[in-house]
Amino acid sequence: YLEAMFEDRSITFYQNIYRLAPSHCLTVSSHKFRL
């Protein structure tokens, strides 16, 4: 934020909370996490 960098499209100001980036899909199950 202080460096005005936008390249990381999934990051947020909170640990372990993410954005789903534009043009992306996500599949989640008990044994799979596929972005």
PDB file of all heavy atoms in Angstrom:
ATOM      1  N   TYR A   1       0.830  -1.204   0.000  1.00  0.00           N
ATOM      2  CA  TYR A   1       0.000   0.000   0.000  1.00  0.00           C
ATOM      3  C   TYR A   1       0.867   1.257   0.000  1.00  0.00           C
ATOM      4  O   TYR A   1       0.626   2.195  -0.772  1.00  0.00           O
ATOM      5  CB  TYR A   1      -0.901  -0.022   1.232  1.00  0.00           C
ATOM      6  CG  TYR A   1      -1.822   1.165   1.368  1.00  0.00           C
ATOM      7  CD1 TYR A   1      -2.912   1.324   0.519  1.00  0.00           C
ATOM      8  CD2 TYR A   1      -1.622   2.115   2.364  1.00  0.00           C
ATOM      9  CE1 TYR A   1      -3.773   2.404   0.653  1.00  0.00           C
ATOM     10  CE2 TYR A   1      -2.477   3.199   2.503  1.00  0.00           C
ATOM     11  CZ  TYR A   1      -3.540   3.332   1.647  1.00  0.00           C
ATOM     12  OH  TYR A   1      -4.387   4.419   1.779  1.00  0.00           O
ATOM     13  N   LEU A   2       1.882   1.263   0.826  1.00  0.00           N
ATOM     14  CA  LEU A   2       2.752   2.439   0.896  1.00  0.00           C
ATOM     15  C   LEU A   2       3.567   2.619  -0.377  1.00  0.00           C
ATOM     16  O   LEU A   2       3.950   3.738  -0.725  1.00  0.00           O
ATOM     17  CB  LEU A   2       3.680   2.328   2.114  1.00  0.00           C
ATOM     18  CG  LEU A   2       2.988   2.342   3.480  1.00  0.00           C
ATOM     19  CD1 LEU A   2       4.004   2.124   4.591  1.00  0.00           C
ATOM     20  CD2 LEU A   2       2.235   3.648   3.702  1.00  0.00           C
ATOM     21  N   GLU A   3       3.843   1.538  -1.065  1.00  0.00           N
ATOM     22  CA  GLU A   3       4.601   1.613  -2.321  1.00  0.00           C
ATOM     23  C   GLU A   3       3.698   1.671  -3.560  1.00  0.00           C
ATOM     24  O   GLU A   3       4.196   1.686  -4.682  1.00  0.00           O
ATOM     25  CB  GLU A   3       5.524   0.387  -2.434  1.00  0.00           C
ATOM     26  CG  GLU A   3       6.714   0.418  -1.488  1.00  0.00           C
ATOM     27  CD  GLU A   3       7.771   1.432  -1.914  1.00  0.00           C
ATOM     28  OE1 GLU A   3       7.723   1.907  -3.060  1.00  0.00           O
ATOM     29  OE2 GLU A   3       8.636   1.743  -1.083  1.00  0.00           O
ATOM     30  N   ALA A   4       2.383   1.699  -3.330  1.00  0.00           N
ATOM     31  CA  ALA A   4       1.410   1.733  -4.438  1.00  0.00           C
ATOM     32  C   ALA A   4       1.663   0.601  -5.429  1.00  0.00           C
ATOM     33  O   ALA A   4       1.721   0.796  -6.641  1.00  0.00           O
ATOM     34  CB  ALA A   4       1.441   3.084  -5.152  1.00  0.00           C
ATOM     35  N   MET A   5       1.808  -0.612  -4.902  1.00  0.00           N
ATOM     36  CA  MET A   5       2.000  -1.799  -5.739  1.00  0.00           C
ATOM     37  C   MET A   5       0.678  -2.581  -5.812  1.00  0.00           C
ATOM     38  O   MET A   5       0.067  -2.865  -4.792  1.00  0.00           O
ATOM     39  CB  MET A   5       3.101  -2.692  -5.169  1.00  0.00           C
ATOM     40  CG  MET A   5       4.488  -2.086  -5.253  1.00  0.00           C
ATOM     41  SD  MET A   5       5.821  -3.292  -5.035  1.00  0.00           S
ATOM     42  CE  MET A   5       5.482  -3.903  -3.388  1.00  0.00           C
ATOM     43  N   PHE A   6       0.281  -2.913  -7.029  1.00  0.00           N
ATOM     44  CA  PHE A   6      -1.003  -3.591  -7.252  1.00  0.00           C
ATOM     45  C   PHE A   6      -0.829  -4.959  -7.900  1.00  0.00           C
ATOM     46  O   PHE A   6      -1.810  -5.588  -8.288  1.00  0.00           O
ATOM     47  CB  PHE A   6      -1.888  -2.735  -8.159  1.00  0.00           C
ATOM     48  CG  PHE A   6      -2.152  -1.356  -7.632  1.00  0.00           C
ATOM     49  CD1 PHE A   6      -1.426  -0.273  -8.118  1.00  0.00           C
ATOM     50  CD2 PHE A   6      -3.108  -1.129  -6.665  1.00  0.00           C
ATOM     51  CE1 PHE A   6      -1.667   1.007  -7.643  1.00  0.00           C
ATOM     52  CE2 PHE A   6      -3.357   0.151  -6.186  1.00  0.00           C
ATOM     53  CZ  PHE A   6      -2.634   1.220  -6.676  1.00  0.00           C
ATOM     54  N   GLU A   7       0.417  -5.395  -8.062  1.00  0.00           N
ATOM     55  CA  GLU A   7       0.649  -6.633  -8.815  1.00  0.00           C
ATOM     56  C   GLU A   7       0.058  -7.861  -8.142  1.00  0.00           C
ATOM     57  O   GLU A   7      -0.356  -8.805  -8.817  1.00  0.00           O
ATOM     58  CB  GLU A   7       2.150  -6.831  -9.036  1.00  0.00           C
ATOM     59  CG  GLU A   7       2.746  -5.968 -10.125  1.00  0.00           C
ATOM     60  CD  GLU A   7       3.069  -4.547  -9.658  1.00  0.00           C
ATOM     61  OE1 GLU A   7       2.779  -4.208  -8.486  1.00  0.00           O
ATOM     62  OE2 GLU A   7       3.599  -3.769 -10.460  1.00  0.00           O
ATOM     63  N   ASP A   8       0.037  -7.889  -6.812  1.00  0.00           N
ATOM     64  CA  ASP A   8      -0.543  -9.019  -6.094  1.00  0.00           C
ATOM     65  C   ASP A   8      -2.052  -8.801  -6.018  1.00  0.00           C
ATOM     66  O   ASP A   8      -2.549  -8.024  -5.205  1.00  0.00           O
ATOM     67  CB  ASP A   8       0.062  -9.124  -4.692  1.00  0.00           C
ATOM     68  CG  ASP A   8      -0.337 -10.404  -3.979  1.00  0.00           C
ATOM     69  OD1 ASP A   8      -1.363 -10.994  -4.356  1.00  0.00           O
ATOM     70  OD2 ASP A   8       0.378 -10.800  -3.040  1.00  0.00           O
ATOM     71  N   ARG A   9      -2.786  -9.505  -6.859  1.00  0.00           N
ATOM     72  CA  ARG A   9      -4.223  -9.269  -6.978  1.00  0.00           C
ATOM     73  C   ARG A   9      -5.058 -10.029  -5.953  1.00  0.00           C
ATOM     74  O   ARG A   9      -6.277  -9.863  -5.900  1.00  0.00           O
ATOM     75  CB  ARG A   9      -4.690  -9.630  -8.392  1.00  0.00           C
ATOM     76  CG  ARG A   9      -4.167  -8.685  -9.466  1.00  0.00           C
ATOM     77  CD  ARG A   9      -4.264  -9.309 -10.851  1.00  0.00           C
ATOM     78  NE  ARG A   9      -3.896  -8.386 -11.911  1.00  0.00           N
ATOM     79  CZ  ARG A   9      -2.630  -8.077 -12.241  1.00  0.00           C
ATOM     80  NH1 ARG A   9      -1.631  -8.625 -11.565  1.00  0.00           N
ATOM     81  NH2 ARG A   9      -2.377  -7.223 -13.224  1.00  0.00           N
ATOM     82  N   SER A  10      -4.432 -10.887  -5.154  1.00  0.00           N
ATOM     83  CA  SER A  10      -5.191 -11.686  -4.190  1.00  0.00           C
ATOM     84  C   SER A  10      -5.003 -11.228  -2.749  1.00  0.00           C
ATOM     85  O   SER A  10      -5.790 -11.589  -1.873  1.00  0.00           O
ATOM     86  CB  SER A  10      -4.797 -13.161  -4.302  1.00  0.00           C
ATOM     87  OG  SER A  10      -3.429 -13.332  -3.972  1.00  0.00           O
ATOM     88  N   ILE A  11      -4.013 -10.397  -2.494  1.00  0.00           N
ATOM     89  CA  ILE A  11      -3.664 -10.027  -1.129  1.00  0.00           C
ATOM     90  C   ILE A  11      -4.687  -9.062  -0.526  1.00  0.00           C
ATOM     91  O   ILE A  11      -5.316  -8.273  -1.234  1.00  0.00           O
ATOM     92  CB  ILE A  11      -2.253  -9.393  -1.107  1.00  0.00           C
ATOM     93  CG1 ILE A  11      -1.690  -9.337   0.312  1.00  0.00           C
ATOM     94  CG2 ILE A  11      -2.255  -8.019  -1.762  1.00  0.00           C
ATOM     95  CD1 ILE A  11      -0.221  -8.939   0.371  1.00  0.00           C
ATOM     96  N   THR A  12      -4.884  -9.143   0.796  1.00  0.00           N
ATOM     97  CA  THR A  12      -5.687  -8.161   1.533  1.00  0.00           C
ATOM     98  C   THR A  12      -4.885  -7.709   2.751  1.00  0.00           C
ATOM     99  O   THR A  12      -3.787  -8.209   3.014  1.00  0.00           O
ATOM    100  CB  THR A  12      -7.029  -8.743   2.016  1.00  0.00           C
ATOM    101  OG1 THR A  12      -6.798  -9.637   3.110  1.00  0.00           O
ATOM    102  CG2 THR A  12      -7.757  -9.468   0.886  1.00  0.00           C
ATOM    103  N   PHE A  13      -5.449  -6.792   3.522  1.00  0.00           N
ATOM    104  CA  PHE A  13      -4.783  -6.300   4.729  1.00  0.00           C
ATOM    105  C   PHE A  13      -4.903  -7.285   5.891  1.00  0.00           C
ATOM    106  O   PHE A  13      -4.430  -6.990   6.985  1.00  0.00           O
ATOM    107  CB  PHE A  13      -5.377  -4.952   5.145  1.00  0.00           C
ATOM    108  CG  PHE A  13      -4.753  -3.775   4.430  1.00  0.00           C
ATOM    109  CD1 PHE A  13      -5.226  -3.377   3.196  1.00  0.00           C
ATOM    110  CD2 PHE A  13      -3.702  -3.077   5.002  1.00  0.00           C
ATOM    111  CE1 PHE A  13      -4.665  -2.286   2.536  1.00  0.00           C
ATOM    112  CE2 PHE A  13      -3.133  -1.993   4.351  1.00  0.00           C
ATOM    113  CZ  PHE A  13      -3.606  -1.590   3.112  1.00  0.00           C
ATOM    114  N   TYR A  14      -5.527  -8.432   5.662  1.00  0.00           N
ATOM    115  CA  TYR A  14      -5.732  -9.413   6.735  1.00  0.00           C
ATOM    116  C   TYR A  14      -5.050 -10.731   6.384  1.00  0.00           C
ATOM    117  O   TYR A  14      -5.173 -11.222   5.254  1.00  0.00           O
ATOM    118  CB  TYR A  14      -7.227  -9.655   6.954  1.00  0.00           C
ATOM    119  CG  TYR A  14      -7.974  -8.440   7.441  1.00  0.00           C
ATOM    120  CD1 TYR A  14      -8.579  -7.571   6.533  1.00  0.00           C
ATOM    121  CD2 TYR A  14      -8.086  -8.152   8.797  1.00  0.00           C
ATOM    122  CE1 TYR A  14      -9.259  -6.444   6.965  1.00  0.00           C
ATOM    123  CE2 TYR A  14      -8.769  -7.031   9.244  1.00  0.00           C
ATOM    124  CZ  TYR A  14      -9.353  -6.186   8.323  1.00  0.00           C
ATOM    125  OH  TYR A  14     -10.028  -5.067   8.752  1.00  0.00           O
ATOM    126  N   GLN A  15      -4.382 -11.297   7.371  1.00  0.00           N
ATOM    127  CA  GLN A  15      -3.763 -12.616   7.199  1.00  0.00           C
ATOM    128  C   GLN A  15      -4.848 -13.659   6.932  1.00  0.00           C
ATOM    129  O   GLN A  15      -5.902 -13.659   7.577  1.00  0.00           O
ATOM    130  CB  GLN A  15      -2.997 -13.007   8.475  1.00  0.00           C
ATOM    131  CG  GLN A  15      -1.804 -12.131   8.780  1.00  0.00           C
ATOM    132  CD  GLN A  15      -0.568 -12.545   7.984  1.00  0.00           C
ATOM    133  OE1 GLN A  15      -0.637 -13.400   7.101  1.00  0.00           O
ATOM    134  NE2 GLN A  15       0.566 -11.931   8.295  1.00  0.00           N
ATOM    135  N   ASN A  16      -4.590 -14.505   5.961  1.00  0.00           N
ATOM    136  CA  ASN A  16      -5.457 -15.645   5.636  1.00  0.00           C
ATOM    137  C   ASN A  16      -6.782 -15.274   4.985  1.00  0.00           C
ATOM    138  O   ASN A  16      -7.648 -16.133   4.796  1.00  0.00           O
ATOM    139  CB  ASN A  16      -5.727 -16.516   6.879  1.00  0.00           C
ATOM    140  CG  ASN A  16      -4.452 -17.096   7.457  1.00  0.00           C
ATOM    141  OD1 ASN A  16      -3.559 -17.498   6.711  1.00  0.00           O
ATOM    142  ND2 ASN A  16      -4.344 -17.105   8.779  1.00  0.00           N
ATOM    143  N   ILE A  17      -6.963 -14.001   4.649  1.00  0.00           N
ATOM    144  CA  ILE A  17      -8.139 -13.594   3.882  1.00  0.00           C
ATOM    145  C   ILE A  17      -7.644 -13.085   2.530  1.00  0.00           C
ATOM    146  O   ILE A  17      -6.733 -12.257   2.465  1.00  0.00           O
ATOM    147  CB  ILE A  17      -8.958 -12.514   4.603  1.00  0.00           C
ATOM    148  CG1 ILE A  17      -9.536 -13.075   5.906  1.00  0.00           C
ATOM    149  CG2 ILE A  17     -10.093 -12.004   3.713  1.00  0.00           C
ATOM    150  CD1 ILE A  17     -10.348 -12.082   6.704  1.00  0.00           C
ATOM    151  N   TYR A  18      -8.260 -13.584   1.471  1.00  0.00           N
ATOM    152  CA  TYR A  18      -7.756 -13.315   0.122  1.00  0.00           C
ATOM    153  C   TYR A  18      -8.880 -12.821  -0.783  1.00  0.00           C
ATOM    154  O   TYR A  18     -10.062 -13.067  -0.531  1.00  0.00           O
ATOM    155  CB  TYR A  18      -7.155 -14.588  -0.489  1.00  0.00           C
ATOM    156  CG  TYR A  18      -6.110 -15.232   0.363  1.00  0.00           C
ATOM    157  CD1 TYR A  18      -6.466 -16.235   1.274  1.00  0.00           C
ATOM    158  CD2 TYR A  18      -4.775 -14.854   0.293  1.00  0.00           C
ATOM    159  CE1 TYR A  18      -5.503 -16.830   2.081  1.00  0.00           C
ATOM    160  CE2 TYR A  18      -3.808 -15.448   1.090  1.00  0.00           C
ATOM    161  CZ  TYR A  18      -4.178 -16.433   1.986  1.00  0.00           C
ATOM    162  OH  TYR A  18      -3.240 -17.017   2.790  1.00  0.00           O
ATOM    163  N   ARG A  19      -8.486 -12.144  -1.850  1.00  0.00           N
ATOM    164  CA  ARG A  19      -9.399 -11.845  -2.938  1.00  0.00           C
ATOM    165  C   ARG A  19      -9.358 -13.003  -3.938  1.00  0.00           C
ATOM    166  O   ARG A  19      -8.288 -13.546  -4.197  1.00  0.00           O
ATOM    167  CB  ARG A  19      -8.947 -10.593  -3.694  1.00  0.00           C
ATOM    168  CG  ARG A  19      -9.063  -9.309  -2.948  1.00  0.00           C
ATOM    169  CD  ARG A  19      -8.364  -8.189  -3.695  1.00  0.00           C
ATOM    170  NE  ARG A  19      -8.775  -6.895  -3.184  1.00  0.00           N
ATOM    171  CZ  ARG A  19      -8.246  -6.321  -2.112  1.00  0.00           C
ATOM    172  NH1 ARG A  19      -7.256  -6.923  -1.468  1.00  0.00           N
ATOM    173  NH2 ARG A  19      -8.688  -5.147  -1.693  1.00  0.00           N
ATOM    174  N   LEU A  20     -10.502 -13.332  -4.505  1.00  0.00           N
ATOM    175  CA  LEU A  20     -10.492 -14.164  -5.701  1.00  0.00           C
ATOM    176  C   LEU A  20     -10.237 -13.197  -6.849  1.00  0.00           C
ATOM    177  O   LEU A  20     -11.025 -12.285  -7.101  1.00  0.00           O
ATOM    178  CB  LEU A  20     -11.834 -14.881  -5.885  1.00  0.00           C
ATOM    179  CG  LEU A  20     -11.956 -15.785  -7.111  1.00  0.00           C
ATOM    180  CD1 LEU A  20     -10.892 -16.878  -7.101  1.00  0.00           C
ATOM    181  CD2 LEU A  20     -13.350 -16.398  -7.188  1.00  0.00           C
ATOM    182  N   ALA A  21      -9.109 -13.351  -7.515  1.00  0.00           N
ATOM    183  CA  ALA A  21      -8.707 -12.397  -8.539  1.00  0.00           C
ATOM    184  C   ALA A  21      -9.673 -12.432  -9.718  1.00  0.00           C
ATOM    185  O   ALA A  21     -10.312 -13.460  -9.990  1.00  0.00           O
ATOM    186  CB  ALA A  21      -7.283 -12.695  -9.010  1.00  0.00           C
ATOM    187  N   PRO A  22      -9.801 -11.324 -10.445  1.00  0.00           N
ATOM    188  CA  PRO A  22     -10.635 -11.323 -11.649  1.00  0.00           C
ATOM    189  C   PRO A  22     -10.210 -12.422 -12.621  1.00  0.00           C
ATOM    190  O   PRO A  22      -9.043 -12.822 -12.664  1.00  0.00           O
ATOM    191  CB  PRO A  22     -10.370  -9.943 -12.258  1.00  0.00           C
ATOM    192  CG  PRO A  22      -9.941  -9.090 -11.112  1.00  0.00           C
ATOM    193  CD  PRO A  22      -9.189 -10.002 -10.192  1.00  0.00           C
ATOM    194  N   SER A  23     -11.159 -12.949 -13.380  1.00  0.00           N
ATOM    195  CA  SER A  23     -10.908 -13.994 -14.387  1.00  0.00           C
ATOM    196  C   SER A  23     -10.432 -15.299 -13.780  1.00  0.00           C
ATOM    197  O   SER A  23      -9.829 -16.119 -14.473  1.00  0.00           O
ATOM    198  CB  SER A  23      -9.861 -13.528 -15.421  1.00  0.00           C
ATOM    199  OG  SER A  23     -10.279 -12.361 -16.065  1.00  0.00           O
ATOM    200  N   HIS A  24     -10.709 -15.506 -12.515  1.00  0.00           N
ATOM    201  CA  HIS A  24     -10.280 -16.740 -11.841  1.00  0.00           C
ATOM    202  C   HIS A  24     -11.483 -17.506 -11.308  1.00  0.00           C
ATOM    203  O   HIS A  24     -12.523 -16.930 -10.973  1.00  0.00           O
ATOM    204  CB  HIS A  24      -9.330 -16.431 -10.685  1.00  0.00           C
ATOM    205  CG  HIS A  24      -7.919 -16.173 -11.120  1.00  0.00           C
ATOM    206  ND1 HIS A  24      -7.553 -15.037 -11.800  1.00  0.00           N
ATOM    207  CD2 HIS A  24      -6.790 -16.921 -10.982  1.00  0.00           C
ATOM    208  CE1 HIS A  24      -6.261 -15.073 -12.049  1.00  0.00           C
ATOM    209  NE2 HIS A  24      -5.771 -16.210 -11.575  1.00  0.00           N
ATOM    210  N   CYS A  25     -11.311 -18.815 -11.225  1.00  0.00           N
ATOM    211  CA  CYS A  25     -12.286 -19.673 -10.575  1.00  0.00           C
ATOM    212  C   CYS A  25     -11.559 -20.537  -9.544  1.00  0.00           C
ATOM    213  O   CYS A  25     -10.332 -20.706  -9.601  1.00  0.00           O
ATOM    214  CB  CYS A  25     -13.038 -20.535 -11.586  1.00  0.00           C
ATOM    215  SG  CYS A  25     -11.991 -21.616 -12.590  1.00  0.00           S
ATOM    216  N   LEU A  26     -12.321 -21.057  -8.633  1.00  0.00           N
ATOM    217  CA  LEU A  26     -11.739 -21.765  -7.495  1.00  0.00           C
ATOM    218  C   LEU A  26     -12.614 -22.969  -7.163  1.00  0.00           C
ATOM    219  O   LEU A  26     -13.840 -22.857  -7.082  1.00  0.00           O
ATOM    220  CB  LEU A  26     -11.672 -20.806  -6.300  1.00  0.00           C
ATOM    221  CG  LEU A  26     -11.217 -21.342  -4.944  1.00  0.00           C
ATOM    222  CD1 LEU A  26      -9.786 -21.857  -5.002  1.00  0.00           C
ATOM    223  CD2 LEU A  26     -11.342 -20.238  -3.890  1.00  0.00           C
ATOM    224  N   THR A  27     -11.977 -24.121  -6.996  1.00  0.00           N
ATOM    225  CA  THR A  27     -12.681 -25.335  -6.570  1.00  0.00           C
ATOM    226  C   THR A  27     -12.111 -25.797  -5.244  1.00  0.00           C
ATOM    227  O   THR A  27     -10.893 -25.957  -5.116  1.00  0.00           O
ATOM    228  CB  THR A  27     -12.539 -26.456  -7.617  1.00  0.00           C
ATOM    229  OG1 THR A  27     -12.967 -25.975  -8.893  1.00  0.00           O
ATOM    230  CG2 THR A  27     -13.370 -27.667  -7.221  1.00  0.00           C
ATOM    231  N   VAL A  28     -12.998 -26.002  -4.270  1.00  0.00           N
ATOM    232  CA  VAL A  28     -12.554 -26.378  -2.915  1.00  0.00           C
ATOM    233  C   VAL A  28     -13.328 -27.605  -2.453  1.00  0.00           C
ATOM    234  O   VAL A  28     -14.558 -27.666  -2.576  1.00  0.00           O
ATOM    235  CB  VAL A  28     -12.778 -25.223  -1.912  1.00  0.00           C
ATOM    236  CG1 VAL A  28     -12.264 -25.620  -0.530  1.00  0.00           C
ATOM    237  CG2 VAL A  28     -12.090 -23.948  -2.379  1.00  0.00           C
ATOM    238  N   SER A  29     -12.589 -28.579  -1.940  1.00  0.00           N
ATOM    239  CA  SER A  29     -13.200 -29.735  -1.277  1.00  0.00           C
ATOM    240  C   SER A  29     -12.352 -30.059  -0.057  1.00  0.00           C
ATOM    241  O   SER A  29     -11.372 -29.364   0.237  1.00  0.00           O
ATOM    242  CB  SER A  29     -13.264 -30.936  -2.227  1.00  0.00           C
ATOM    243  OG  SER A  29     -11.959 -31.435  -2.492  1.00  0.00           O
ATOM    244  N   SER A  30     -12.706 -31.110   0.638  1.00  0.00           N
ATOM    245  CA  SER A  30     -11.957 -31.463   1.847  1.00  0.00           C
ATOM    246  C   SER A  30     -10.516 -31.835   1.543  1.00  0.00           C
ATOM    247  O   SER A  30      -9.642 -31.753   2.406  1.00  0.00           O
ATOM    248  CB  SER A  30     -12.648 -32.623   2.572  1.00  0.00           C
ATOM    249  OG  SER A  30     -12.719 -33.759   1.724  1.00  0.00           O
ATOM    250  N   HIS A  31     -10.237 -32.224   0.298  1.00  0.00           N
ATOM    251  CA  HIS A  31      -8.892 -32.672  -0.051  1.00  0.00           C
ATOM    252  C   HIS A  31      -8.276 -31.877  -1.206  1.00  0.00           C
ATOM    253  O   HIS A  31      -7.189 -32.213  -1.681  1.00  0.00           O
ATOM    254  CB  HIS A  31      -8.926 -34.158  -0.450  1.00  0.00           C
ATOM    255  CG  HIS A  31      -9.834 -34.438  -1.609  1.00  0.00           C
ATOM    256  ND1 HIS A  31     -11.190 -34.588  -1.474  1.00  0.00           N
ATOM    257  CD2 HIS A  31      -9.576 -34.568  -2.942  1.00  0.00           C
ATOM    258  CE1 HIS A  31     -11.731 -34.823  -2.659  1.00  0.00           C
ATOM    259  NE2 HIS A  31     -10.778 -34.806  -3.570  1.00  0.00           N
ATOM    260  N   LYS A  32      -8.988 -30.829  -1.688  1.00  0.00           N
ATOM    261  CA  LYS A  32      -8.500 -30.125  -2.871  1.00  0.00           C
ATOM    262  C   LYS A  32      -8.752 -28.632  -2.746  1.00  0.00           C
ATOM    263  O   LYS A  32      -9.794 -28.188  -2.259  1.00  0.00           O
ATOM    264  CB  LYS A  32      -9.203 -30.684  -4.124  1.00  0.00           C
ATOM    265  CG  LYS A  32      -8.824 -29.992  -5.428  1.00  0.00           C
ATOM    266  CD  LYS A  32      -9.435 -30.690  -6.631  1.00  0.00           C
ATOM    267  CE  LYS A  32     -10.941 -30.630  -6.624  1.00  0.00           C
ATOM    268  NZ  LYS A  32     -11.543 -31.241  -7.836  1.00  0.00           N
ATOM    269  N   PHE A  33      -7.773 -27.853  -3.213  1.00  0.00           N
ATOM    270  CA  PHE A  33      -7.920 -26.395  -3.343  1.00  0.00           C
ATOM    271  C   PHE A  33      -7.273 -26.027  -4.671  1.00  0.00           C
ATOM    272  O   PHE A  33      -6.050 -26.026  -4.799  1.00  0.00           O
ATOM    273  CB  PHE A  33      -7.230 -25.671  -2.179  1.00  0.00           C
ATOM    274  CG  PHE A  33      -7.365 -24.172  -2.245  1.00  0.00           C
ATOM    275  CD1 PHE A  33      -8.401 -23.527  -1.591  1.00  0.00           C
ATOM    276  CD2 PHE A  33      -6.444 -23.397  -2.946  1.00  0.00           C
ATOM    277  CE1 PHE A  33      -8.524 -22.145  -1.635  1.00  0.00           C
ATOM    278  CE2 PHE A  33      -6.560 -22.021  -2.999  1.00  0.00           C
ATOM    279  CZ  PHE A  33      -7.597 -21.393  -2.344  1.00  0.00           C
ATOM    280  N   ARG A  34      -8.093 -25.763  -5.680  1.00  0.00           N
ATOM    281  CA  ARG A  34      -7.555 -25.518  -7.025  1.00  0.00           C
ATOM    282  C   ARG A  34      -8.001 -24.142  -7.519  1.00  0.00           C
ATOM    283  O   ARG A  34      -9.183 -23.899  -7.745  1.00  0.00           O
ATOM    284  CB  ARG A  34      -8.012 -26.590  -7.994  1.00  0.00           C
ATOM    285  CG  ARG A  34      -7.478 -26.391  -9.430  1.00  0.00           C
ATOM    286  CD  ARG A  34      -7.855 -27.540 -10.317  1.00  0.00           C
ATOM    287  NE  ARG A  34      -7.213 -28.774  -9.885  1.00  0.00           N
ATOM    288  CZ  ARG A  34      -7.539 -29.985 -10.343  1.00  0.00           C
ATOM    289  NH1 ARG A  34      -8.508 -30.102 -11.245  1.00  0.00           N
ATOM    290  NH2 ARG A  34      -6.909 -31.054  -9.904  1.00  0.00           N
ATOM    291  N   LEU A  35      -7.025 -23.255  -7.685  1.00  0.00           N
ATOM    292  CA  LEU A  35      -7.257 -21.911  -8.190  1.00  0.00           C
ATOM    293  C   LEU A  35      -6.794 -21.863  -9.638  1.00  0.00           C
ATOM    294  O   LEU A  35      -5.651 -22.215  -9.947  1.00  0.00           O
ATOM    295  CB  LEU A  35      -6.480 -20.896  -7.344  1.00  0.00           C
ATOM    296  CG  LEU A  35      -6.647 -19.413  -7.677  1.00  0.00           C
ATOM    297  CD1 LEU A  35      -8.079 -18.956  -7.431  1.00  0.00           C
ATOM    298  CD2 LEU A  35      -5.678 -18.581  -6.830  1.00  0.00           C
TER     299      LEU A  35
END
